[in-house]
């Protein structure tokens, strides 16, 4: 069991190291895709090279950290551009460019851009419509053909580069967000120890400390959920998926257990804040020791693998955490602590 746990921890650490520079890699891939798109754009026949500057823009629209997002968002952007261009061309030939047609193009384009099918790419509808009016000049059809063909060329180049050159798995983001959540868990548990040990004069200050420790936890949990979702999407159609399957599963498993533990700790902390008066009036020294021990388990976990001796010590302290006649908040807190310990250690089983 211990060997298997260490092996899984090693995979998580190795994955984090090897994917650490995702932003640098994505930046370099975007630059390469833009350069290739430009070079191919100036090699197109007829008048099309005049609009080669739109090819890098097309590449930029599809450079996402997941191949699935790259394909979907790229198609949405191209569809939005096509709709915007079509709207502007229709108005251009119907009444020519003037204040009224520009207002109609941008107004209608904004409404169309908010259609659910376009998602985050909806802003391209009014932007593309405006491009036709401002840059089309007297050769509107020539401009539209050049604009759309170069955008399409750049998008194809970008998707090919994203697929061929180390397609991202987005695991580092999950690993980094997991560490942030675990740091917040430790911070909240430490504040709870202070609250449990508080005397009558300091209890409100300690309660304020718990609330301060809780402030960032919802946001870090949300970032972890978003990073996990991104990593799951990054697997779709990714040729590197098979090689990294074990690491991917372990990183997401640790992320899931950390998010679950954070949920338990957050609920427990809020309940203890509500019942802090009853907590203060009871003998809660054993509960304080158990809470501190759980904090130590998480602090000393190597990539999520807790030391076995600390786990045993924490279990023993939890067994003794509820003295006779303790208020209801104490046994409820012990159940939450034990559940958190079970979640924290369950990832290695």
Protein backbone atom coordinates (compact mmCIF):
# COMPACT_ATOMS: atom_id res chain seq x y z
CA UNK A 1 0.00 0.00 0.00
CA UNK A 2 2.73 2.45 0.94
CA UNK A 3 4.73 1.68 -2.22
CA UNK A 4 1.67 2.22 -4.39
CA UNK A 5 0.89 5.49 -2.63
CA UNK A 6 4.45 6.73 -3.15
CA UNK A 7 4.29 5.71 -6.82
CA UNK A 8 1.09 7.70 -7.33
CA UNK A 9 2.57 10.70 -5.52
CA UNK A 10 5.65 10.48 -7.72
CA UNK A 11 3.48 10.56 -10.83
CA UNK A 12 1.66 13.65 -9.61
CA UNK A 13 4.92 15.46 -8.83
CA UNK A 14 6.47 14.41 -12.15
CA UNK A 15 3.40 15.56 -14.07
CA UNK A 16 3.49 18.94 -12.35
CA UNK A 17 7.15 19.41 -13.25
CA UNK A 18 6.84 18.40 -16.88
CA UNK A 19 3.80 20.54 -17.58
CA UNK A 20 4.98 23.51 -15.53
CA UNK A 21 5.64 25.82 -18.45
CA UNK A 22 2.31 25.39 -20.27
CA UNK A 23 1.91 29.14 -20.72
CA UNK A 24 5.37 29.43 -22.24
CA UNK A 25 4.66 26.52 -24.56
CA UNK A 26 1.29 27.91 -25.58
CA UNK A 27 2.84 31.31 -26.25
CA UNK A 28 5.55 29.81 -28.45
CA UNK A 29 3.01 27.68 -30.34
CA UNK A 30 0.85 30.74 -30.95
CA UNK A 31 3.85 32.68 -32.26
CA UNK A 32 4.88 29.81 -34.56
CA UNK A 33 1.32 29.35 -35.83
CA UNK A 34 1.01 33.08 -36.53
CA UNK A 35 4.30 33.13 -38.42
CA UNK A 36 3.40 30.10 -40.55
CA UNK A 37 -0.08 31.47 -41.22
CA UNK A 38 1.41 34.78 -42.37
CA UNK A 39 3.93 33.06 -44.63
CA UNK A 40 1.25 30.91 -46.22
CA UNK A 41 -1.06 33.90 -46.49
CA UNK A 42 1.39 35.89 -48.60
CA UNK A 43 1.76 32.89 -50.93
CA UNK A 44 -1.93 32.75 -51.86
CA UNK A 45 -2.84 33.67 -55.47
CA UNK A 46 -4.28 36.86 -56.94
CA UNK A 47 -5.02 39.72 -54.53
CA UNK A 48 -5.34 37.53 -51.42
CA UNK A 49 -1.80 38.26 -50.05
CA UNK A 50 -2.95 41.86 -49.54
CA UNK A 51 -4.97 40.59 -46.58
CA UNK A 52 -2.33 38.25 -45.15
CA UNK A 53 -2.42 40.09 -41.81
CA UNK A 54 -5.72 38.35 -41.08
CA UNK A 55 -4.11 34.89 -41.20
CA UNK A 56 -2.27 35.32 -37.86
CA UNK A 57 -5.53 36.59 -36.39
CA UNK A 58 -7.23 33.39 -37.51
CA UNK A 59 -4.47 31.34 -35.86
CA UNK A 60 -4.86 33.30 -32.65
CA UNK A 61 -8.59 32.57 -32.43
CA UNK A 62 -8.06 28.80 -32.15
CA UNK A 63 -5.07 28.64 -29.79
CA UNK A 64 -6.63 27.21 -26.64
CA UNK A 65 -5.17 24.96 -23.97
CA UNK A 66 -7.42 22.04 -24.98
CA UNK A 67 -7.78 20.60 -28.47
CA UNK A 68 -11.51 20.30 -27.97
CA UNK A 69 -11.76 23.99 -27.09
CA UNK A 70 -9.47 24.85 -29.98
CA UNK A 71 -11.76 23.16 -32.50
CA UNK A 72 -15.07 24.27 -31.00
CA UNK A 73 -14.08 27.87 -30.29
CA UNK A 74 -12.35 28.17 -33.65
CA UNK A 75 -15.49 27.06 -35.49
CA UNK A 76 -17.58 29.44 -33.40
CA UNK A 77 -15.27 32.34 -34.18
CA UNK A 78 -15.34 31.60 -37.91
CA UNK A 79 -19.12 31.29 -37.85
CA UNK A 80 -19.45 34.58 -35.97
CA UNK A 81 -17.13 36.32 -38.43
CA UNK A 82 -19.12 34.96 -41.37
CA UNK A 83 -22.41 36.17 -39.89
CA UNK A 84 -20.98 39.62 -39.16
CA UNK A 85 -19.48 39.93 -42.64
CA UNK A 86 -22.71 38.80 -44.31
CA UNK A 87 -24.74 41.31 -42.32
CA UNK A 88 -22.40 44.15 -43.20
CA UNK A 89 -22.23 43.23 -46.89
CA UNK A 90 -26.02 43.14 -47.11
CA UNK A 91 -26.30 46.59 -45.55
CA UNK A 92 -23.42 47.89 -47.65
CA UNK A 93 -25.09 46.98 -50.92
CA UNK A 94 -28.55 47.97 -49.73
CA UNK A 95 -27.80 51.49 -48.55
CA UNK A 96 -24.05 51.99 -48.54
CA UNK A 97 -21.87 52.84 -45.54
CA UNK A 98 -23.33 55.63 -43.46
CA UNK A 99 -24.13 56.38 -39.86
CA UNK A 100 -27.45 54.53 -39.98
CA UNK A 101 -26.14 51.35 -41.61
CA UNK A 102 -23.15 51.27 -39.25
CA UNK A 103 -25.49 51.63 -36.27
CA UNK A 104 -27.76 48.88 -37.62
CA UNK A 105 -24.81 46.57 -38.32
CA UNK A 106 -23.37 46.94 -34.84
CA UNK A 107 -26.74 46.83 -33.10
CA UNK A 108 -28.02 43.77 -34.95
CA UNK A 109 -24.55 42.22 -34.77
CA UNK A 110 -24.51 42.61 -31.01
CA UNK A 111 -27.90 40.94 -30.72
CA UNK A 112 -26.87 38.06 -33.00
CA UNK A 113 -23.56 37.75 -31.19
CA UNK A 114 -25.38 36.98 -27.97
CA UNK A 115 -26.86 33.84 -29.45
CA UNK A 116 -25.97 30.84 -27.33
CA UNK A 117 -24.35 28.97 -30.23
CA UNK A 118 -21.57 31.55 -30.50
CA UNK A 119 -20.61 31.37 -26.82
CA UNK A 120 -17.67 33.60 -25.95
CA UNK A 121 -16.97 34.26 -29.65
CA UNK A 122 -20.15 36.29 -30.15
CA UNK A 123 -18.27 39.60 -30.08
CA UNK A 124 -16.80 38.71 -33.48
CA UNK A 125 -20.19 39.36 -35.14
CA UNK A 126 -20.25 43.17 -34.65
CA UNK A 127 -16.45 43.41 -34.97
CA UNK A 128 -16.44 41.65 -38.34
CA UNK A 129 -19.36 43.78 -39.50
CA UNK A 130 -17.45 46.92 -38.57
CA UNK A 131 -14.31 45.66 -40.34
CA UNK A 132 -16.20 45.50 -43.63
CA UNK A 133 -17.35 49.11 -43.32
CA UNK A 134 -14.02 50.51 -42.15
CA UNK A 135 -11.54 48.45 -44.18
CA UNK A 136 -13.58 47.22 -47.12
CA UNK A 137 -13.45 50.46 -49.07
CA UNK A 138 -14.69 50.43 -52.65
CA UNK A 139 -13.73 46.75 -53.17
CA UNK A 140 -16.03 45.25 -50.58
CA UNK A 141 -16.36 41.80 -52.14
CA UNK A 142 -12.61 41.53 -52.66
CA UNK A 143 -12.04 42.48 -49.04
CA UNK A 144 -14.61 39.98 -47.75
CA UNK A 145 -13.12 37.10 -49.75
CA UNK A 146 -9.60 38.01 -48.62
CA UNK A 147 -10.65 38.46 -45.01
CA UNK A 148 -12.55 35.17 -44.75
CA UNK A 149 -10.00 33.10 -46.68
CA UNK A 150 -7.08 34.37 -44.59
CA UNK A 151 -8.98 33.86 -41.32
CA UNK A 152 -9.82 30.30 -42.38
CA UNK A 153 -6.22 29.62 -43.39
CA UNK A 154 -4.93 30.91 -40.06
CA UNK A 155 -7.47 28.88 -38.09
CA UNK A 156 -6.48 25.68 -39.90
CA UNK A 157 -2.79 26.38 -39.27
CA UNK A 158 -3.45 27.08 -35.61
CA UNK A 159 -5.40 23.87 -35.08
CA UNK A 160 -2.75 21.80 -36.84
CA UNK A 161 0.03 23.34 -34.74
CA UNK A 162 -1.97 22.83 -31.56
CA UNK A 163 -2.55 19.19 -32.47
CA UNK A 164 0.98 18.32 -33.61
CA UNK A 165 3.21 20.29 -31.21
CA UNK A 166 2.79 18.90 -27.70
CA UNK A 167 -1.01 19.21 -27.42
CA UNK A 168 -1.67 20.46 -23.88
CA UNK A 169 -3.13 18.27 -21.14
CA UNK A 170 -3.77 21.16 -18.70
CA UNK A 171 -2.58 19.05 -15.76
CA UNK A 172 -0.31 21.67 -14.25
CA UNK A 173 -3.26 24.00 -13.73
CA UNK A 174 -5.05 21.24 -11.80
CA UNK A 175 -1.96 20.47 -9.73
CA UNK A 176 -1.41 24.14 -8.92
CA UNK A 177 -5.08 24.72 -8.03
CA UNK A 178 -5.01 21.60 -5.84
CA UNK A 179 -2.07 22.99 -3.87
CA UNK A 180 -3.93 26.27 -3.40
CA UNK A 181 -7.00 24.48 -2.03
CA UNK A 182 -4.91 22.41 0.36
CA UNK A 183 -3.15 25.55 1.60
CA UNK A 184 -6.52 27.10 2.32
CA UNK A 185 -7.65 23.96 4.15
CA UNK A 186 -4.56 24.18 6.35
CA UNK A 187 -5.19 27.87 6.99
CA UNK A 188 -8.80 27.24 8.03
CA UNK A 189 -7.86 24.32 10.29
CA UNK A 190 -5.21 26.46 11.98
CA UNK A 191 -7.74 29.23 12.56
CA UNK A 192 -10.17 26.67 14.00
CA UNK A 193 -7.53 25.48 16.46
CA UNK A 194 -7.16 29.09 17.62
CA UNK A 195 -10.93 29.43 17.91
CA UNK A 196 -11.29 26.24 19.94
CA UNK A 197 -8.50 27.32 22.30
CA UNK A 198 -9.82 30.89 22.67
CA UNK A 199 -10.78 32.32 26.04
CA UNK A 200 -13.70 34.64 26.66
CA UNK A 201 -11.70 37.76 25.84
CA UNK A 202 -10.28 36.53 22.54
CA UNK A 203 -13.08 34.41 21.11
CA UNK A 204 -14.48 37.12 18.83
CA UNK A 205 -11.05 37.97 17.47
CA UNK A 206 -10.41 34.28 16.81
CA UNK A 207 -13.80 33.99 15.10
CA UNK A 208 -12.80 36.88 12.85
CA UNK A 209 -9.63 34.95 12.05
CA UNK A 210 -11.66 31.93 10.96
CA UNK A 211 -13.86 34.09 8.75
CA UNK A 212 -10.77 35.66 7.20
CA UNK A 213 -9.29 32.21 6.53
CA UNK A 214 -12.54 31.13 4.88
CA UNK A 215 -12.69 34.10 2.52
CA UNK A 216 -10.48 32.68 -0.21
CA UNK A 217 -11.61 29.04 0.02
CA UNK A 218 -14.73 29.32 -2.19
CA UNK A 219 -12.69 31.03 -4.92
CA UNK A 220 -9.85 28.50 -4.81
CA UNK A 221 -12.36 25.64 -4.89
CA UNK A 222 -14.01 27.23 -7.94
CA UNK A 223 -10.66 27.59 -9.69
CA UNK A 224 -9.92 23.94 -8.95
CA UNK A 225 -13.25 22.85 -10.43
CA UNK A 226 -12.59 24.94 -13.54
CA UNK A 227 -9.06 23.55 -13.91
CA UNK A 228 -10.38 20.01 -13.51
CA UNK A 229 -13.03 20.59 -16.15
CA UNK A 230 -10.37 22.03 -18.47
CA UNK A 231 -8.13 18.99 -17.96
CA UNK A 232 -11.01 16.64 -18.71
CA UNK A 233 -11.75 18.49 -21.95
CA UNK A 234 -8.05 18.48 -22.84
CA UNK A 235 -8.17 14.69 -23.04
CA UNK A 236 -10.69 14.69 -25.86
CA UNK A 237 -8.93 13.90 -29.13
CA UNK A 238 -5.51 14.39 -27.53
CA UNK A 239 -2.87 12.02 -28.97
CA UNK A 240 -0.87 12.25 -25.70
CA UNK A 241 -3.80 10.95 -23.65
CA UNK A 242 -2.74 7.30 -23.64
CA UNK A 243 0.80 7.96 -22.48
CA UNK A 244 -0.32 10.20 -19.62
CA UNK A 245 -3.46 8.29 -18.64
CA UNK A 246 -2.19 7.15 -15.23
CA UNK A 247 -0.82 10.56 -14.31
CA UNK A 248 -4.00 12.23 -15.52
CA UNK A 249 -6.14 9.94 -13.36
CA UNK A 250 -3.96 10.48 -10.29
CA UNK A 251 -3.84 14.26 -10.63
CA UNK A 252 -7.63 14.45 -11.00
CA UNK A 253 -8.16 12.00 -8.13
CA UNK A 254 -6.05 14.12 -5.81
CA UNK A 255 -7.88 17.22 -7.00
CA UNK A 256 -11.25 15.60 -6.33
CA UNK A 257 -10.31 14.46 -2.84
CA UNK A 258 -8.87 17.89 -2.01
CA UNK A 259 -12.03 19.65 -3.20
CA UNK A 260 -14.21 17.26 -1.19
CA UNK A 261 -12.10 17.77 1.93
CA UNK A 262 -12.32 21.53 1.44
CA UNK A 263 -16.11 21.31 1.29
CA UNK A 264 -16.21 19.38 4.57
CA UNK A 265 -13.82 21.79 6.29
CA UNK A 266 -15.72 24.84 5.06
CA UNK A 267 -19.08 23.51 6.34
CA UNK A 268 -17.53 22.49 9.65
CA UNK A 269 -15.89 25.89 10.13
CA UNK A 270 -19.13 27.76 9.50
CA UNK A 271 -20.99 25.54 11.95
CA UNK A 272 -18.33 26.00 14.61
CA UNK A 273 -18.53 29.76 14.12
CA UNK A 274 -22.26 29.66 14.69
CA UNK A 275 -21.87 27.56 17.85
CA UNK A 276 -18.66 29.16 19.11
CA UNK A 277 -20.22 30.14 22.44
CA UNK A 278 -21.18 26.55 23.25
CA UNK A 279 -17.78 25.42 22.00
CA UNK A 280 -16.06 27.88 24.30
CA UNK A 281 -17.99 26.73 27.36
CA UNK A 282 -17.02 23.07 26.96
CA UNK A 283 -13.75 21.21 27.44
CA UNK A 284 -12.58 21.21 23.83
CA UNK A 285 -8.87 20.69 24.31
CA UNK A 286 -9.06 17.20 22.79
CA UNK A 287 -10.97 18.50 19.79
CA UNK A 288 -8.29 21.17 19.37
CA UNK A 289 -5.56 18.54 19.40
CA UNK A 290 -7.38 16.42 16.82
CA UNK A 291 -7.95 19.46 14.58
CA UNK A 292 -4.28 20.39 14.81
CA UNK A 293 -3.28 16.83 14.02
CA UNK A 294 -5.43 16.81 10.87
CA UNK A 295 -3.82 20.07 9.84
CA UNK A 296 -0.39 18.45 10.29
CA UNK A 297 -1.46 15.47 8.19
CA UNK A 298 -2.29 17.75 5.26
CA UNK A 299 0.77 19.97 5.74
CA UNK A 300 3.12 16.99 5.76
CA UNK A 301 1.45 15.09 2.94
CA UNK A 302 3.88 14.61 0.10
CA UNK A 303 1.87 15.24 -3.06
CA UNK A 304 -1.23 14.16 -1.17
CA UNK A 305 0.22 11.08 0.55
CA UNK A 306 0.03 11.53 4.35
CA UNK A 307 2.59 10.01 6.75
CA UNK A 308 1.12 6.83 8.22
CA UNK A 309 2.20 7.64 11.77
CA UNK A 310 0.43 11.00 11.66
CA UNK A 311 -2.73 9.38 10.33
CA UNK A 312 -2.73 6.87 13.20
CA UNK A 313 -2.10 9.63 15.74
CA UNK A 314 -4.93 11.72 14.31
CA UNK A 315 -7.30 8.75 14.44
CA UNK A 316 -6.39 8.17 18.07
CA UNK A 317 -6.97 11.81 18.94
CA UNK A 318 -10.33 11.76 17.15
CA UNK A 319 -11.36 8.72 19.20
CA UNK A 320 -10.83 10.78 22.35
CA UNK A 321 -12.05 14.14 21.03
CA UNK A 322 -15.54 14.12 22.60
CA UNK A 323 -15.61 14.28 26.40
CA UNK A 324 -18.70 13.38 28.38
CA UNK A 325 -21.36 16.07 28.32
CA UNK A 326 -19.86 17.87 25.33
CA UNK A 327 -22.26 20.14 23.39
CA UNK A 328 -23.62 18.88 20.09
CA UNK A 329 -21.16 20.92 18.04
CA UNK A 330 -18.21 18.85 19.34
CA UNK A 331 -19.31 15.40 18.10
CA UNK A 332 -20.45 16.98 14.83
CA UNK A 333 -17.02 18.55 14.42
CA UNK A 334 -15.36 15.22 15.16
CA UNK A 335 -17.44 13.51 12.47
CA UNK A 336 -16.43 16.19 9.99
CA UNK A 337 -12.75 15.88 10.93
CA UNK A 338 -12.86 12.11 10.60
CA UNK A 339 -14.55 12.36 7.24
CA UNK A 340 -11.93 14.85 6.09
CA UNK A 341 -9.16 12.51 7.23
CA UNK A 342 -10.82 9.61 5.41
CA UNK A 343 -11.06 11.68 2.21
CA UNK A 344 -7.45 12.84 2.54
CA UNK A 345 -6.15 9.29 2.94
CA UNK A 346 -8.65 7.56 0.64
CA UNK A 347 -6.86 8.82 -2.50
CA UNK A 348 -3.90 6.54 -1.73
CA UNK A 349 -5.95 3.37 -1.16
